[in-house]
Protein backbone atom coordinates (compact mmCIF):
# COMPACT_ATOMS: atom_id res chain seq x y z
CA MET A 1 -31.67 5.06 16.36
CA LYS A 2 -28.34 3.32 15.90
CA LYS A 3 -27.17 2.38 12.41
CA ILE A 4 -25.74 -1.09 11.78
CA LEU A 5 -23.99 -2.34 8.65
CA VAL A 6 -24.56 -6.04 7.88
CA ILE A 7 -22.05 -7.68 5.53
CA GLU A 8 -23.17 -11.17 4.52
CA ASP A 9 -22.97 -12.98 1.18
CA ASN A 10 -25.91 -15.33 1.87
CA PRO A 11 -29.05 -13.41 0.81
CA GLU A 12 -31.37 -15.27 3.19
CA ILE A 13 -29.18 -14.70 6.24
CA ARG A 14 -28.59 -11.07 5.23
CA GLU A 15 -32.32 -10.39 4.80
CA ASN A 16 -33.31 -12.22 8.01
CA THR A 17 -30.67 -10.39 10.04
CA THR A 18 -31.69 -7.06 8.53
CA GLU A 19 -35.35 -7.69 9.34
CA LEU A 20 -34.55 -8.76 12.90
CA LEU A 21 -32.48 -5.63 13.50
CA GLU A 22 -35.12 -3.34 12.00
CA LEU A 23 -37.76 -4.93 14.25
CA ASN A 24 -35.48 -4.03 17.17
CA ASN A 25 -35.32 -0.38 16.11
CA TYR A 26 -31.98 -0.30 14.34
CA ILE A 27 -31.34 1.38 11.00
CA VAL A 28 -29.71 -1.20 8.74
CA VAL A 29 -27.48 -0.89 5.71
CA SER A 30 -26.46 -4.17 4.08
CA ALA A 31 -23.84 -5.45 1.67
CA GLU A 32 -23.16 -8.82 0.07
CA THR A 33 -19.37 -8.48 -0.15
CA GLY A 34 -16.61 -7.19 2.09
CA LYS A 35 -15.52 -4.67 -0.54
CA THR A 36 -19.02 -3.21 -0.88
CA GLY A 37 -19.35 -3.29 2.89
CA PHE A 38 -16.16 -1.29 3.30
CA GLU A 39 -17.41 1.33 0.83
CA LEU A 40 -20.76 1.53 2.64
CA ALA A 41 -19.00 1.82 6.01
CA ARG A 42 -17.05 4.82 4.71
CA GLU A 43 -20.20 6.38 3.25
CA HIS A 44 -22.76 5.70 6.00
CA ARG A 45 -20.52 5.62 9.10
CA PRO A 46 -22.57 3.09 11.08
CA GLU A 47 -22.25 2.73 14.84
CA LEU A 48 -21.60 -1.02 14.43
CA ILE A 49 -20.60 -3.51 11.73
CA LEU A 50 -21.73 -7.15 11.58
CA CYS A 51 -19.51 -9.04 9.17
CA ASP A 52 -19.41 -12.63 7.95
CA MET A 53 -15.89 -14.07 8.01
CA LEU A 54 -16.13 -16.50 5.11
CA MET A 55 -17.17 -14.78 1.88
CA PRO A 56 -15.89 -15.00 -1.67
CA GLY A 57 -13.60 -12.17 -2.73
CA THR A 58 -13.09 -9.74 0.12
CA ASP A 59 -13.69 -11.92 3.18
CA GLY A 60 -13.92 -10.82 6.81
CA HIS A 61 -10.17 -10.92 7.33
CA GLU A 62 -9.58 -8.63 4.34
CA PHE A 63 -12.46 -6.38 5.45
CA LEU A 64 -10.82 -6.05 8.86
CA ARG A 65 -7.51 -5.08 7.22
CA LEU A 66 -9.26 -2.41 5.12
CA ALA A 67 -11.30 -1.12 8.07
CA LYS A 68 -8.35 -0.86 10.47
CA GLY A 69 -6.38 1.04 7.82
CA ASP A 70 -9.02 3.73 7.30
CA GLN A 71 -9.43 6.53 9.84
CA ASN A 72 -13.13 6.90 8.99
CA VAL A 73 -13.89 3.23 9.73
CA SER A 74 -11.22 2.02 12.16
CA HIS A 75 -13.09 3.16 15.30
CA ILE A 76 -16.35 1.36 14.43
CA PRO A 77 -16.98 -1.77 16.55
CA ILE A 78 -17.10 -5.00 14.53
CA ILE A 79 -18.86 -8.26 15.34
CA PHE A 80 -17.81 -11.17 13.15
CA PHE A 81 -19.84 -14.30 12.56
CA SER A 82 -19.19 -17.53 10.69
CA ALA A 83 -20.58 -21.01 10.16
CA GLY A 84 -17.25 -22.37 9.00
CA PHE A 85 -14.18 -23.55 10.83
CA LEU A 86 -11.66 -20.80 11.52
CA LEU A 87 -7.95 -21.43 11.84
CA PRO A 88 -6.57 -20.82 15.35
CA GLU A 89 -4.55 -17.79 14.20
CA LEU A 90 -7.68 -16.24 12.68
CA GLN A 91 -9.63 -16.91 15.88
CA GLN A 92 -6.84 -15.16 17.82
CA LEU A 93 -6.99 -12.19 15.45
CA LEU A 94 -10.73 -11.91 16.06
CA THR A 95 -10.21 -12.06 19.80
CA ASN A 96 -7.71 -9.22 19.57
CA GLU A 97 -9.31 -7.01 16.92
CA ALA A 98 -13.08 -7.55 16.94
CA ASN A 99 -15.64 -6.72 19.57
CA ALA A 100 -17.31 -10.13 19.39
CA TYR A 101 -17.51 -13.35 17.41
CA LEU A 102 -20.71 -15.34 16.88
CA LYS A 103 -20.85 -18.86 15.52
CA LYS A 104 -23.73 -19.49 13.10
CA PRO A 105 -26.41 -20.36 13.69
CA PHE A 106 -26.81 -17.88 16.53
CA THR A 107 -29.98 -17.04 18.38
CA GLU A 108 -31.76 -13.72 18.23
CA GLU A 109 -30.84 -13.06 21.86
CA GLU A 110 -27.15 -13.90 21.28
CA LEU A 111 -27.03 -11.43 18.40
CA LEU A 112 -28.87 -8.66 20.25
CA GLN A 113 -26.77 -9.13 23.40
CA SER A 114 -23.55 -8.97 21.38
CA ILE A 115 -24.78 -5.77 19.74
CA ARG A 116 -25.70 -4.20 23.09
CA ASN A 117 -22.29 -5.17 24.52
CA ALA A 118 -20.43 -3.71 21.52
CA LEU A 119 -22.42 -0.46 21.49
CA HIS A 120 -22.24 0.05 25.27
CA PRO A 121 -18.95 -1.48 26.50
């Protein structure tokens, strides 16, 4: 089974996403901050990372900077998601650096298809 790291500061979204992924036979590790997520990525080496862009403290942009600078994490595909408005330059960064971007709220099928695409390009 593939391991996915979910980084999301909203407990309800984090728990619902975790449950959905587990029901679809993924092993899930979760974090509520980008900093904790980065530490868990280094420790657990998931096959994929789902990361919220807008979080207090270490947000998705900072997480991406940390991840790309670490040889143990830099190769892991990342799917970002956000409910907020992203500046055009941040959207361009996501297009260039991430494997996918989902706008919240996303459907179960949108999430699962993005995961399949990222894991099997």
